[in-house]
Amino acid sequence: KSFPWLEWSPEALGGKLISLPIREDIPENIQGQLIVELYSK
């Protein structure tokens, strides 16, 4: 699986962040409001 904002090198077992992903680019179902509520406590 590849992402347009991430460059992965399996030979080097490393990667490079090409650009910051926007919410729609991240395949996980992340509820940002829950993260904000957790860190605002």
PDB file of N, CA and C in Angstrom:
ATOM      1  N   LYS A   1       0.852  -1.181   0.000  1.00  0.00           N
ATOM      2  CA  LYS A   1       0.000   0.000   0.000  1.00  0.00           C
ATOM      3  C   LYS A   1       0.893   1.238   0.000  1.00  0.00           C
ATOM      4  N   SER A   2       0.582   2.196  -0.848  1.00  0.00           N
ATOM      5  CA  SER A   2       1.403   3.404  -0.907  1.00  0.00           C
ATOM      6  C   SER A   2       0.548   4.635  -0.640  1.00  0.00           C
ATOM      7  N   PHE A   3       1.217   5.655  -0.188  1.00  0.00           N
ATOM      8  CA  PHE A   3       0.567   6.920   0.121  1.00  0.00           C
ATOM      9  C   PHE A   3       1.291   8.026  -0.635  1.00  0.00           C
ATOM     10  N   PRO A   4       0.559   8.999  -1.182  1.00  0.00           N
ATOM     11  CA  PRO A   4       1.212  10.057  -1.960  1.00  0.00           C
ATOM     12  C   PRO A   4       2.079  10.985  -1.119  1.00  0.00           C
ATOM     13  N   TRP A   5       1.906  10.999   0.173  1.00  0.00           N
ATOM     14  CA  TRP A   5       2.649  11.907   1.040  1.00  0.00           C
ATOM     15  C   TRP A   5       3.821  11.225   1.748  1.00  0.00           C
ATOM     16  N   LEU A   6       4.047   9.931   1.439  1.00  0.00           N
ATOM     17  CA  LEU A   6       5.085   9.166   2.123  1.00  0.00           C
ATOM     18  C   LEU A   6       5.911   8.396   1.105  1.00  0.00           C
ATOM     19  N   GLU A   7       7.225   8.476   1.239  1.00  0.00           N
ATOM     20  CA  GLU A   7       8.126   7.717   0.371  1.00  0.00           C
ATOM     21  C   GLU A   7       8.768   6.622   1.222  1.00  0.00           C
ATOM     22  N   TRP A   8       8.537   5.361   0.865  1.00  0.00           N
ATOM     23  CA  TRP A   8       9.003   4.227   1.666  1.00  0.00           C
ATOM     24  C   TRP A   8      10.100   3.489   0.927  1.00  0.00           C
ATOM     25  N   SER A   9      11.171   3.160   1.632  1.00  0.00           N
ATOM     26  CA  SER A   9      12.272   2.394   1.060  1.00  0.00           C
ATOM     27  C   SER A   9      12.407   1.092   1.839  1.00  0.00           C
ATOM     28  N   PRO A  10      11.879  -0.019   1.306  1.00  0.00           N
ATOM     29  CA  PRO A  10      11.953  -1.285   2.041  1.00  0.00           C
ATOM     30  C   PRO A  10      13.385  -1.798   2.200  1.00  0.00           C
ATOM     31  N   GLU A  11      14.257  -1.470   1.260  1.00  0.00           N
ATOM     32  CA  GLU A  11      15.650  -1.919   1.373  1.00  0.00           C
ATOM     33  C   GLU A  11      16.331  -1.291   2.587  1.00  0.00           C
ATOM     34  N   ALA A  12      16.063  -0.016   2.816  1.00  0.00           N
ATOM     35  CA  ALA A  12      16.674   0.700   3.935  1.00  0.00           C
ATOM     36  C   ALA A  12      15.837   0.603   5.203  1.00  0.00           C
ATOM     37  N   LEU A  13      14.663  -0.015   5.098  1.00  0.00           N
ATOM     38  CA  LEU A  13      13.722  -0.094   6.224  1.00  0.00           C
ATOM     39  C   LEU A  13      13.451   1.292   6.799  1.00  0.00           C
ATOM     40  N   GLY A  14      13.221   2.232   5.927  1.00  0.00           N
ATOM     41  CA  GLY A  14      12.962   3.597   6.356  1.00  0.00           C
ATOM     42  C   GLY A  14      12.075   4.311   5.368  1.00  0.00           C
ATOM     43  N   GLY A  15      11.680   5.490   5.756  1.00  0.00           N
ATOM     44  CA  GLY A  15      10.811   6.271   4.891  1.00  0.00           C
ATOM     45  C   GLY A  15      11.091   7.749   5.022  1.00  0.00           C
ATOM     46  N   LYS A  16      10.432   8.501   4.152  1.00  0.00           N
ATOM     47  CA  LYS A  16      10.602   9.949   4.132  1.00  0.00           C
ATOM     48  C   LYS A  16       9.230  10.581   3.970  1.00  0.00           C
ATOM     49  N   LEU A  17       8.947  11.545   4.810  1.00  0.00           N
ATOM     50  CA  LEU A  17       7.695  12.283   4.729  1.00  0.00           C
ATOM     51  C   LEU A  17       7.852  13.350   3.653  1.00  0.00           C
ATOM     52  N   ILE A  18       7.116  13.203   2.566  1.00  0.00           N
ATOM     53  CA  ILE A  18       7.234  14.118   1.436  1.00  0.00           C
ATOM     54  C   ILE A  18       6.439  15.392   1.683  1.00  0.00           C
ATOM     55  N   SER A  19       5.230  15.240   2.206  1.00  0.00           N
ATOM     56  CA  SER A  19       4.393  16.393   2.532  1.00  0.00           C
ATOM     57  C   SER A  19       3.467  16.000   3.671  1.00  0.00           C
ATOM     58  N   LEU A  20       2.918  16.987   4.340  1.00  0.00           N
ATOM     59  CA  LEU A  20       1.978  16.685   5.413  1.00  0.00           C
ATOM     60  C   LEU A  20       0.656  16.223   4.809  1.00  0.00           C
ATOM     61  N   PRO A  21       0.142  15.099   5.289  1.00  0.00           N
ATOM     62  CA  PRO A  21      -1.120  14.610   4.735  1.00  0.00           C
ATOM     63  C   PRO A  21      -2.301  15.423   5.253  1.00  0.00           C
ATOM     64  N   ILE A  22      -3.320  15.524   4.422  1.00  0.00           N
ATOM     65  CA  ILE A  22      -4.567  16.116   4.888  1.00  0.00           C
ATOM     66  C   ILE A  22      -5.435  14.982   5.421  1.00  0.00           C
ATOM     67  N   ARG A  23      -6.470  15.314   6.147  1.00  0.00           N
ATOM     68  CA  ARG A  23      -7.305  14.289   6.774  1.00  0.00           C
ATOM     69  C   ARG A  23      -7.796  13.232   5.802  1.00  0.00           C
ATOM     70  N   GLU A  24      -8.169  13.643   4.613  1.00  0.00           N
ATOM     71  CA  GLU A  24      -8.707  12.705   3.628  1.00  0.00           C
ATOM     72  C   GLU A  24      -7.649  11.727   3.118  1.00  0.00           C
ATOM     73  N   ASP A  25      -6.361  12.068   3.275  1.00  0.00           N
ATOM     74  CA  ASP A  25      -5.281  11.193   2.809  1.00  0.00           C
ATOM     75  C   ASP A  25      -4.993  10.048   3.771  1.00  0.00           C
ATOM     76  N   ILE A  26      -5.449  10.153   5.004  1.00  0.00           N
ATOM     77  CA  ILE A  26      -5.164   9.138   6.017  1.00  0.00           C
ATOM     78  C   ILE A  26      -6.282   8.103   5.997  1.00  0.00           C
ATOM     79  N   PRO A  27      -5.943   6.831   5.754  1.00  0.00           N
ATOM     80  CA  PRO A  27      -6.979   5.813   5.589  1.00  0.00           C
ATOM     81  C   PRO A  27      -7.665   5.373   6.879  1.00  0.00           C
ATOM     82  N   GLU A  28      -7.124   5.703   8.009  1.00  0.00           N
ATOM     83  CA  GLU A  28      -7.715   5.281   9.280  1.00  0.00           C
ATOM     84  C   GLU A  28      -8.905   6.154   9.639  1.00  0.00           C
ATOM     85  N   ASN A  29      -9.833   5.579  10.379  1.00  0.00           N
ATOM     86  CA  ASN A  29     -11.008   6.317  10.839  1.00  0.00           C
ATOM     87  C   ASN A  29     -10.656   6.991  12.167  1.00  0.00           C
ATOM     88  N   ILE A  30     -10.081   8.176  12.090  1.00  0.00           N
ATOM     89  CA  ILE A  30      -9.636   8.901  13.280  1.00  0.00           C
ATOM     90  C   ILE A  30     -10.628  10.014  13.579  1.00  0.00           C
ATOM     91  N   GLN A  31     -11.096  10.054  14.808  1.00  0.00           N
ATOM     92  CA  GLN A  31     -12.027  11.099  15.225  1.00  0.00           C
ATOM     93  C   GLN A  31     -11.221  12.190  15.921  1.00  0.00           C
ATOM     94  N   GLY A  32     -10.926  13.246  15.177  1.00  0.00           N
ATOM     95  CA  GLY A  32     -10.081  14.328  15.671  1.00  0.00           C
ATOM     96  C   GLY A  32     -10.629  15.003  16.904  1.00  0.00           C
ATOM     97  N   GLN A  33     -11.932  15.111  17.021  1.00  0.00           N
ATOM     98  CA  GLN A  33     -12.540  15.762  18.180  1.00  0.00           C
ATOM     99  C   GLN A  33     -12.213  15.008  19.466  1.00  0.00           C
ATOM    100  N   LEU A  34     -12.144  13.671  19.404  1.00  0.00           N
ATOM    101  CA  LEU A  34     -11.798  12.894  20.598  1.00  0.00           C
ATOM    102  C   LEU A  34     -10.359  13.156  21.029  1.00  0.00           C
ATOM    103  N   ILE A  35      -9.469  13.358  20.083  1.00  0.00           N
ATOM    104  CA  ILE A  35      -8.074  13.672  20.408  1.00  0.00           C
ATOM    105  C   ILE A  35      -7.988  15.039  21.065  1.00  0.00           C
ATOM    106  N   VAL A  36      -8.719  16.017  20.542  1.00  0.00           N
ATOM    107  CA  VAL A  36      -8.738  17.360  21.125  1.00  0.00           C
ATOM    108  C   VAL A  36      -9.278  17.306  22.544  1.00  0.00           C
ATOM    109  N   GLU A  37     -10.347  16.561  22.762  1.00  0.00           N
ATOM    110  CA  GLU A  37     -10.931  16.456  24.101  1.00  0.00           C
ATOM    111  C   GLU A  37      -9.965  15.798  25.075  1.00  0.00           C
ATOM    112  N   LEU A  38      -9.239  14.780  24.629  1.00  0.00           N
ATOM    113  CA  LEU A  38      -8.286  14.090  25.497  1.00  0.00           C
ATOM    114  C   LEU A  38      -7.166  15.032  25.947  1.00  0.00           C
ATOM    115  N   TYR A  39      -6.599  15.789  25.016  1.00  0.00           N
ATOM    116  CA  TYR A  39      -5.470  16.652  25.354  1.00  0.00           C
ATOM    117  C   TYR A  39      -5.879  17.971  25.990  1.00  0.00           C
ATOM    118  N   SER A  40      -7.161  18.284  26.001  1.00  0.00           N
ATOM    119  CA  SER A  40      -7.594  19.524  26.642  1.00  0.00           C
ATOM    120  C   SER A  40      -7.936  19.312  28.114  1.00  0.00           C
ATOM    121  N   LYS A  41      -7.825  18.075  28.592  1.00  0.00           N
ATOM    122  CA  LYS A  41      -8.120  17.796  30.014  1.00  0.00           C
ATOM    123  C   LYS A  41      -6.989  18.235  30.904  1.00  0.00           C
TER     124      LYS A  41
END
